[in-house]
Amino acid sequence: ERSKDVLDDLYDRSGDAAGRIQAALNVYGIKKFSDEFYYCIEQIEQFCNDESSEKLRNIIFEDRNTNAFPAVFTLIFIAFHEMFVKEKKSISSYSGVKSVLTNLTRRIDTSRRATASDERRKNIDTIKGIISPHFVSADPSKSIYSDHKTIDLDDYIKRSGMELANYELKQGLLSLDGKRELNVDLMDRIVETICAIANNGPDRAGRVLLGVADKPADVTRIISLDKIQPRTVGDRAVVGIVREAVAMGITLEDYHNKIRTHIANSKLSEPLKSAVLSSIDYNAYYGLGVIVISVPEQKEPSYFKDQIYWRNGDNTELAKTPKQIADISRRF
């Protein structure tokens, strides 16, 4: 049964209970469980924010003045974890999940006896039964164990305002005029920026995020053109790249390949080019879609078209003078 004393014992590192939990985590894999934990939280957040943003407490309880939330949240979390990890299923309708979990406490036992293990199992099975019509047999493992989770993207976006030289945000690859043409010059500027970030120094990695706007005018224009609802993170807006794939009439895979092909065919120096090509990832990010181009640490200066680029705050500039080139070389 759920017991305060038992829970307290879990946090006593010298106790047997804490030792058993640590041993179990070591066997299962701490990072593996951490990835699964964050994915479940992301998916719960996603159905809470579907159509209109609501707190989970307000969705699942008819009577909002209740102390049972931690116990019910645990039931929902375990049900989701089993669906994603054990049964390898994915959510097909976030609105459907939100609908069937509305006033959930009408359908499960929240009395004190429900904390017994057999009663808890019944409640978990009940939750799985009502949400299962809104899941499909699509293994989410790639998303669960990806290098860039939603919570990581939020962190990158927030850090981009402080670590200006290490991050670059781009709203997308298409121009924002009525023609919506692929902006080849912009793609070249992205490669220049990759080169510049690599030249920050041997112990500094960075990232270029596609699908994030930092100009209010761009956000307003994108909403008008693509009829999407951005997600605000700090003073930035995630507008995604799914809208651009739709506008171009291509798949997300084709969109991803356009970026890869441009970088592969560019005159970006090695070993940076190969390192970047193996570090381009996609995150669905609440259905908007964000591409993360990671720029790994380099051991020597990098070049684009035989020229050196560097970061001056959040700007990418060409190193034009012998002194600038020498200063960058000395970083390595």
Protein backbone atom coordinates (compact mmCIF):
# COMPACT_ATOMS: atom_id res chain seq x y z
CA GLU A 1 0.00 0.00 0.00
CA ARG A 2 0.96 3.65 -0.45
CA SER A 3 2.56 4.73 2.81
CA LYS A 4 4.32 7.90 3.87
CA ASP A 5 6.86 5.91 5.86
CA VAL A 6 7.64 3.66 2.89
CA LEU A 7 8.05 6.68 0.61
CA ASP A 8 10.33 8.34 3.16
CA ASP A 9 12.47 5.17 3.27
CA LEU A 10 13.03 5.42 -0.48
CA TYR A 11 14.86 8.72 0.04
CA ASP A 12 17.09 7.37 2.81
CA ARG A 13 20.15 6.36 0.80
CA SER A 14 21.43 4.16 3.60
CA GLY A 15 18.19 2.16 3.79
CA ASP A 16 17.36 -1.19 2.19
CA ALA A 17 14.42 0.20 0.19
CA ALA A 18 16.57 2.87 -1.46
CA GLY A 19 19.22 0.25 -2.19
CA ARG A 20 16.70 -2.03 -3.92
CA ILE A 21 15.38 0.83 -6.05
CA GLN A 22 18.91 1.88 -7.04
CA ALA A 23 19.82 -1.69 -7.95
CA ALA A 24 16.67 -2.04 -10.05
CA LEU A 25 17.44 1.23 -11.85
CA ASN A 26 21.00 0.12 -12.54
CA VAL A 27 19.71 -3.09 -14.12
CA TYR A 28 16.93 -1.41 -16.12
CA GLY A 29 19.09 1.55 -17.14
CA ILE A 30 18.89 4.97 -15.52
CA LYS A 31 19.01 6.89 -18.80
CA LYS A 32 16.50 4.52 -20.37
CA PHE A 33 14.01 5.11 -17.57
CA SER A 34 14.70 8.86 -17.62
CA ASP A 35 13.92 8.97 -21.36
CA GLU A 36 10.69 7.04 -20.82
CA PHE A 37 9.71 9.25 -17.88
CA TYR A 38 10.14 12.48 -19.83
CA TYR A 39 8.32 11.09 -22.87
CA CYS A 40 5.28 10.17 -20.75
CA ILE A 41 5.27 13.66 -19.22
CA GLU A 42 5.49 15.24 -22.70
CA GLN A 43 2.55 13.18 -23.95
CA ILE A 44 0.43 14.05 -20.91
CA GLU A 45 1.25 17.73 -21.46
CA GLN A 46 0.36 17.39 -25.12
CA PHE A 47 -3.18 16.09 -24.56
CA CYS A 48 -3.70 18.70 -21.82
CA ASN A 49 -2.81 21.42 -24.33
CA ASP A 50 -4.89 20.01 -27.20
CA GLU A 51 -7.36 22.58 -28.58
CA SER A 52 -7.26 24.61 -25.34
CA SER A 53 -4.69 24.49 -22.56
CA GLU A 54 -5.97 23.03 -19.30
CA LYS A 55 -4.38 21.76 -16.13
CA LEU A 56 -4.53 17.98 -15.75
CA ARG A 57 -6.18 18.38 -12.35
CA ASN A 58 -9.04 20.32 -13.93
CA ILE A 59 -9.50 17.68 -16.62
CA ILE A 60 -9.63 14.56 -14.47
CA PHE A 61 -11.53 15.87 -11.44
CA GLU A 62 -15.15 16.97 -11.45
CA ASP A 63 -14.61 18.29 -7.93
CA ARG A 64 -11.42 20.32 -8.11
CA ASN A 65 -11.05 20.65 -4.34
CA THR A 66 -9.42 17.26 -3.82
CA ASN A 67 -6.19 15.90 -2.40
CA ALA A 68 -6.20 12.73 -4.51
CA PHE A 69 -4.34 14.24 -7.47
CA PRO A 70 -0.88 12.68 -6.80
CA ALA A 71 -2.37 9.18 -6.58
CA VAL A 72 -4.51 9.59 -9.72
CA PHE A 73 -1.62 11.15 -11.63
CA THR A 74 0.47 8.08 -10.78
CA LEU A 75 -2.23 5.81 -12.21
CA ILE A 76 -2.37 7.81 -15.46
CA PHE A 77 1.42 7.87 -15.73
CA ILE A 78 1.74 4.09 -15.30
CA ALA A 79 -1.06 3.48 -17.81
CA PHE A 80 0.69 5.69 -20.38
CA HIS A 81 4.07 4.10 -19.70
CA GLU A 82 2.68 0.62 -20.27
CA MET A 83 0.96 1.67 -23.50
CA PHE A 84 4.10 3.35 -24.88
CA VAL A 85 6.85 1.04 -23.62
CA LYS A 86 5.31 -2.40 -23.05
CA GLU A 87 2.67 -2.38 -25.78
CA LYS A 88 4.64 -0.11 -28.14
CA LYS A 89 1.65 2.03 -29.09
CA SER A 90 1.34 5.73 -29.89
CA ILE A 91 -1.44 8.24 -29.38
CA SER A 92 -3.51 8.73 -32.53
CA SER A 93 -5.89 11.36 -31.12
CA TYR A 94 -4.88 13.72 -28.33
CA SER A 95 -8.34 15.25 -28.31
CA GLY A 96 -9.80 11.76 -27.92
CA VAL A 97 -7.56 10.98 -24.94
CA LYS A 98 -8.44 14.31 -23.36
CA SER A 99 -12.14 13.65 -23.85
CA VAL A 100 -12.19 10.19 -22.27
CA LEU A 101 -10.06 11.30 -19.31
CA THR A 102 -12.35 14.23 -18.55
CA ASN A 103 -13.90 13.64 -15.11
CA LEU A 104 -11.88 10.42 -14.85
CA THR A 105 -12.53 10.12 -11.12
CA ARG A 106 -16.13 9.17 -11.86
CA ARG A 107 -14.82 5.92 -13.37
CA ILE A 108 -12.09 4.86 -10.97
CA ASP A 109 -11.90 4.25 -7.23
CA THR A 110 -10.11 7.08 -5.38
CA SER A 111 -10.90 5.95 -1.84
CA ARG A 112 -8.15 4.95 0.61
CA ARG A 113 -8.55 1.28 -0.22
CA ALA A 114 -7.63 2.08 -3.83
CA THR A 115 -4.00 2.45 -2.73
CA ALA A 116 -3.74 -1.33 -2.26
CA SER A 117 -1.73 -2.91 -5.08
CA ASP A 118 -4.60 -5.03 -6.46
CA GLU A 119 -7.01 -2.08 -6.50
CA ARG A 120 -4.37 0.14 -8.08
CA ARG A 121 -3.93 -2.47 -10.81
CA LYS A 122 -7.67 -2.41 -11.50
CA ASN A 123 -7.62 1.38 -11.84
CA ILE A 124 -4.64 1.27 -14.22
CA ASP A 125 -6.39 -1.32 -16.39
CA THR A 126 -9.55 0.81 -16.40
CA ILE A 127 -7.59 3.82 -17.62
CA LYS A 128 -5.85 1.77 -20.31
CA GLY A 129 -9.21 0.45 -21.44
CA ILE A 130 -10.76 3.88 -21.92
CA ILE A 131 -7.76 5.44 -23.67
CA SER A 132 -6.86 2.47 -25.91
CA PRO A 133 -9.29 3.42 -28.75
CA HIS A 134 -7.19 6.57 -29.19
CA PHE A 135 -3.89 4.68 -29.56
CA VAL A 136 -2.50 2.87 -32.60
CA SER A 137 0.13 0.16 -33.02
CA ALA A 138 3.03 2.44 -33.89
CA ASP A 139 6.22 1.93 -31.89
CA PRO A 140 7.27 5.29 -30.36
CA SER A 141 10.73 4.04 -29.33
CA LYS A 142 12.56 6.34 -31.74
CA SER A 143 10.85 9.37 -30.20
CA ILE A 144 11.25 8.10 -26.64
CA TYR A 145 14.99 7.54 -26.87
CA SER A 146 15.85 10.41 -29.23
CA ASP A 147 18.67 12.82 -28.42
CA HIS A 148 16.39 15.86 -28.49
CA LYS A 149 13.20 15.63 -26.46
CA THR A 150 10.54 18.31 -26.15
CA ILE A 151 11.85 19.33 -22.75
CA ASP A 152 15.34 19.64 -24.27
CA LEU A 153 14.05 21.87 -27.07
CA ASP A 154 12.40 24.19 -24.56
CA ASP A 155 15.75 24.41 -22.77
CA TYR A 156 17.65 25.13 -26.01
CA ILE A 157 15.20 27.88 -26.95
CA LYS A 158 15.49 29.53 -23.53
CA ARG A 159 19.28 29.26 -23.58
CA SER A 160 19.44 30.80 -27.06
CA GLY A 161 18.68 34.17 -25.51
CA MET A 162 21.70 33.91 -23.18
CA GLU A 163 24.24 31.83 -25.12
CA LEU A 164 23.90 33.88 -28.29
CA ALA A 165 27.01 32.55 -30.03
CA ASN A 166 26.07 28.88 -29.57
CA TYR A 167 22.51 28.90 -30.89
CA GLU A 168 20.76 30.05 -34.05
CA LEU A 169 16.99 30.09 -34.55
CA LYS A 170 15.36 30.04 -37.98
CA GLN A 171 11.63 30.17 -38.69
CA GLY A 172 12.04 27.89 -41.69
CA LEU A 173 13.38 27.59 -45.23
CA LEU A 174 10.63 29.33 -47.20
CA SER A 175 10.30 33.01 -47.88
CA LEU A 176 7.36 34.68 -46.15
CA ASP A 177 6.06 36.43 -49.25
CA GLY A 178 3.10 35.12 -51.17
CA LYS A 179 5.24 32.88 -53.42
CA ARG A 180 6.58 30.71 -50.53
CA GLU A 181 9.70 29.80 -52.49
CA LEU A 182 12.64 27.84 -51.08
CA ASN A 183 15.19 30.40 -49.94
CA VAL A 184 18.50 29.00 -51.21
CA ASP A 185 20.43 32.00 -49.87
CA LEU A 186 19.03 31.25 -46.42
CA MET A 187 20.21 27.65 -46.68
CA ASP A 188 23.72 28.91 -47.49
CA ARG A 189 23.53 31.23 -44.47
CA ILE A 190 22.62 28.24 -42.31
CA VAL A 191 25.80 26.49 -43.50
CA GLU A 192 27.80 29.66 -42.76
CA THR A 193 26.32 29.68 -39.26
CA ILE A 194 27.20 26.01 -38.74
CA CYS A 195 30.78 26.87 -39.67
CA ALA A 196 30.78 29.90 -37.36
CA ILE A 197 29.43 27.96 -34.37
CA ALA A 198 32.09 25.29 -34.90
CA ASN A 199 34.71 28.05 -34.72
CA ASN A 200 33.62 29.12 -31.23
CA GLY A 201 36.33 26.84 -29.85
CA PRO A 202 37.25 23.21 -29.15
CA ASP A 203 35.05 22.83 -26.05
CA ARG A 204 31.91 24.53 -27.35
CA ALA A 205 29.13 22.77 -29.22
CA GLY A 206 26.03 24.49 -30.57
CA ARG A 207 22.76 24.04 -32.42
CA VAL A 208 20.69 25.49 -35.23
CA LEU A 209 16.93 25.13 -34.66
CA LEU A 210 14.58 25.28 -37.66
CA GLY A 211 10.97 26.10 -36.88
CA VAL A 212 11.50 28.73 -34.18
CA ALA A 213 10.84 32.43 -34.81
CA ASP A 214 12.34 35.27 -32.79
CA LYS A 215 10.72 38.18 -34.66
CA PRO A 216 7.11 39.11 -33.79
CA ALA A 217 6.50 40.30 -37.36
CA ASP A 218 7.49 36.88 -38.72
CA VAL A 219 5.18 35.13 -36.25
CA THR A 220 2.24 37.31 -37.28
CA ARG A 221 2.96 36.67 -40.96
CA ILE A 222 3.27 32.89 -40.44
CA ILE A 223 -0.04 32.74 -38.57
CA SER A 224 -1.67 34.57 -41.48
CA LEU A 225 -0.06 32.41 -44.17
CA ASP A 226 -0.14 28.96 -42.60
CA LYS A 227 -3.06 29.18 -40.16
CA ILE A 228 -1.10 27.58 -37.31
CA GLN A 229 -1.05 28.30 -33.59
CA PRO A 230 2.54 28.84 -32.42
CA ARG A 231 3.75 27.66 -29.03
CA THR A 232 5.45 30.38 -27.00
CA VAL A 233 8.67 29.59 -25.13
CA GLY A 234 9.98 32.64 -23.32
CA ASP A 235 10.08 35.44 -25.88
CA ARG A 236 10.37 33.03 -28.81
CA ALA A 237 7.62 31.30 -30.79
CA VAL A 238 7.79 27.75 -32.09
CA VAL A 239 6.07 27.87 -35.48
CA GLY A 240 7.41 24.53 -36.70
CA ILE A 241 8.36 23.26 -40.14
CA VAL A 242 5.37 20.97 -40.73
CA ARG A 243 3.54 24.00 -42.17
CA GLU A 244 6.34 24.46 -44.72
CA ALA A 245 6.26 20.82 -45.81
CA VAL A 246 2.50 21.20 -46.30
CA ALA A 247 2.98 24.42 -48.28
CA MET A 248 5.55 22.69 -50.51
CA GLY A 249 3.41 19.58 -50.92
CA ILE A 250 6.17 17.27 -49.71
CA THR A 251 6.64 14.81 -46.85
CA LEU A 252 8.57 15.63 -43.69
CA GLU A 253 11.20 13.13 -44.82
CA ASP A 254 11.61 15.01 -48.12
CA TYR A 255 11.89 18.30 -46.20
CA HIS A 256 14.55 16.79 -43.95
CA ASN A 257 16.42 15.49 -47.01
CA LYS A 258 16.49 18.94 -48.61
CA ILE A 259 18.49 20.18 -45.64
CA ARG A 260 20.79 17.16 -45.61
CA THR A 261 21.39 17.34 -49.36
CA HIS A 262 22.21 21.04 -49.26
CA ILE A 263 24.75 20.55 -46.47
CA ALA A 264 26.20 17.44 -48.14
CA ASN A 265 26.70 19.32 -51.43
CA SER A 266 28.07 22.43 -49.75
CA LYS A 267 31.73 23.39 -49.49
CA LEU A 268 31.74 22.99 -45.72
CA SER A 269 35.07 21.60 -44.56
CA GLU A 270 35.65 18.16 -43.10
CA PRO A 271 35.42 16.69 -40.50
CA LEU A 272 32.70 19.21 -39.60
CA LYS A 273 30.48 18.35 -42.58
CA SER A 274 30.28 14.64 -41.78
CA ALA A 275 29.76 15.33 -38.08
CA VAL A 276 26.83 17.64 -38.80
CA LEU A 277 25.24 15.30 -41.36
CA SER A 278 25.03 12.61 -38.69
CA SER A 279 23.54 15.07 -36.19
CA ILE A 280 20.35 16.34 -37.86
CA ASP A 281 17.29 15.34 -35.85
CA TYR A 282 13.55 15.90 -35.97
CA ASN A 283 11.18 16.38 -33.04
CA ALA A 284 7.41 16.40 -33.58
CA TYR A 285 7.07 19.13 -30.92
CA TYR A 286 3.32 19.32 -30.30
CA GLY A 287 2.58 18.62 -33.95
CA LEU A 288 4.52 21.67 -35.19
CA GLY A 289 7.82 19.91 -35.95
CA VAL A 290 11.30 21.25 -35.19
CA ILE A 291 14.57 20.25 -36.84
CA VAL A 292 17.70 20.38 -34.70
CA ILE A 293 21.06 20.63 -36.45
CA SER A 294 23.71 19.90 -33.83
CA VAL A 295 27.20 21.33 -34.30
CA PRO A 296 29.63 19.08 -32.41
CA GLU A 297 32.84 20.35 -30.84
CA GLN A 298 35.74 20.59 -33.31
CA LYS A 299 39.49 20.28 -32.78
CA GLU A 300 40.53 22.64 -35.57
CA PRO A 301 39.13 25.68 -37.40
CA SER A 302 36.37 25.01 -39.93
CA TYR A 303 35.80 26.60 -43.33
CA PHE A 304 32.96 27.23 -45.74
CA LYS A 305 33.99 27.89 -49.35
CA ASP A 306 37.58 28.12 -48.03
CA GLN A 307 36.66 31.04 -45.78
CA ILE A 308 36.39 31.27 -42.00
CA TYR A 309 33.16 32.41 -40.36
CA TRP A 310 32.71 33.35 -36.72
CA ARG A 311 29.96 34.31 -34.28
CA ASN A 312 29.75 37.89 -33.09
CA GLY A 313 27.01 37.54 -30.50
CA ASP A 314 24.03 36.16 -32.42
CA ASN A 315 25.40 37.28 -35.78
CA THR A 316 27.44 35.20 -38.22
CA GLU A 317 30.29 37.15 -39.80
CA LEU A 318 33.08 36.45 -42.27
CA ALA A 319 36.59 36.71 -40.82
CA LYS A 320 38.04 39.30 -43.19
CA THR A 321 41.25 40.50 -41.57
CA PRO A 322 44.44 38.54 -40.80
CA LYS A 323 43.95 39.40 -37.12
CA GLN A 324 40.42 37.94 -37.03
CA ILE A 325 41.61 34.75 -38.71
CA ALA A 326 44.58 34.47 -36.32
CA ASP A 327 42.34 35.04 -33.28
CA ILE A 328 40.01 32.22 -34.35
CA SER A 329 42.92 29.88 -35.07
CA ARG A 330 44.37 30.51 -31.60
CA ARG A 331 41.15 29.17 -30.02
CA PHE A 332 42.26 25.71 -31.12
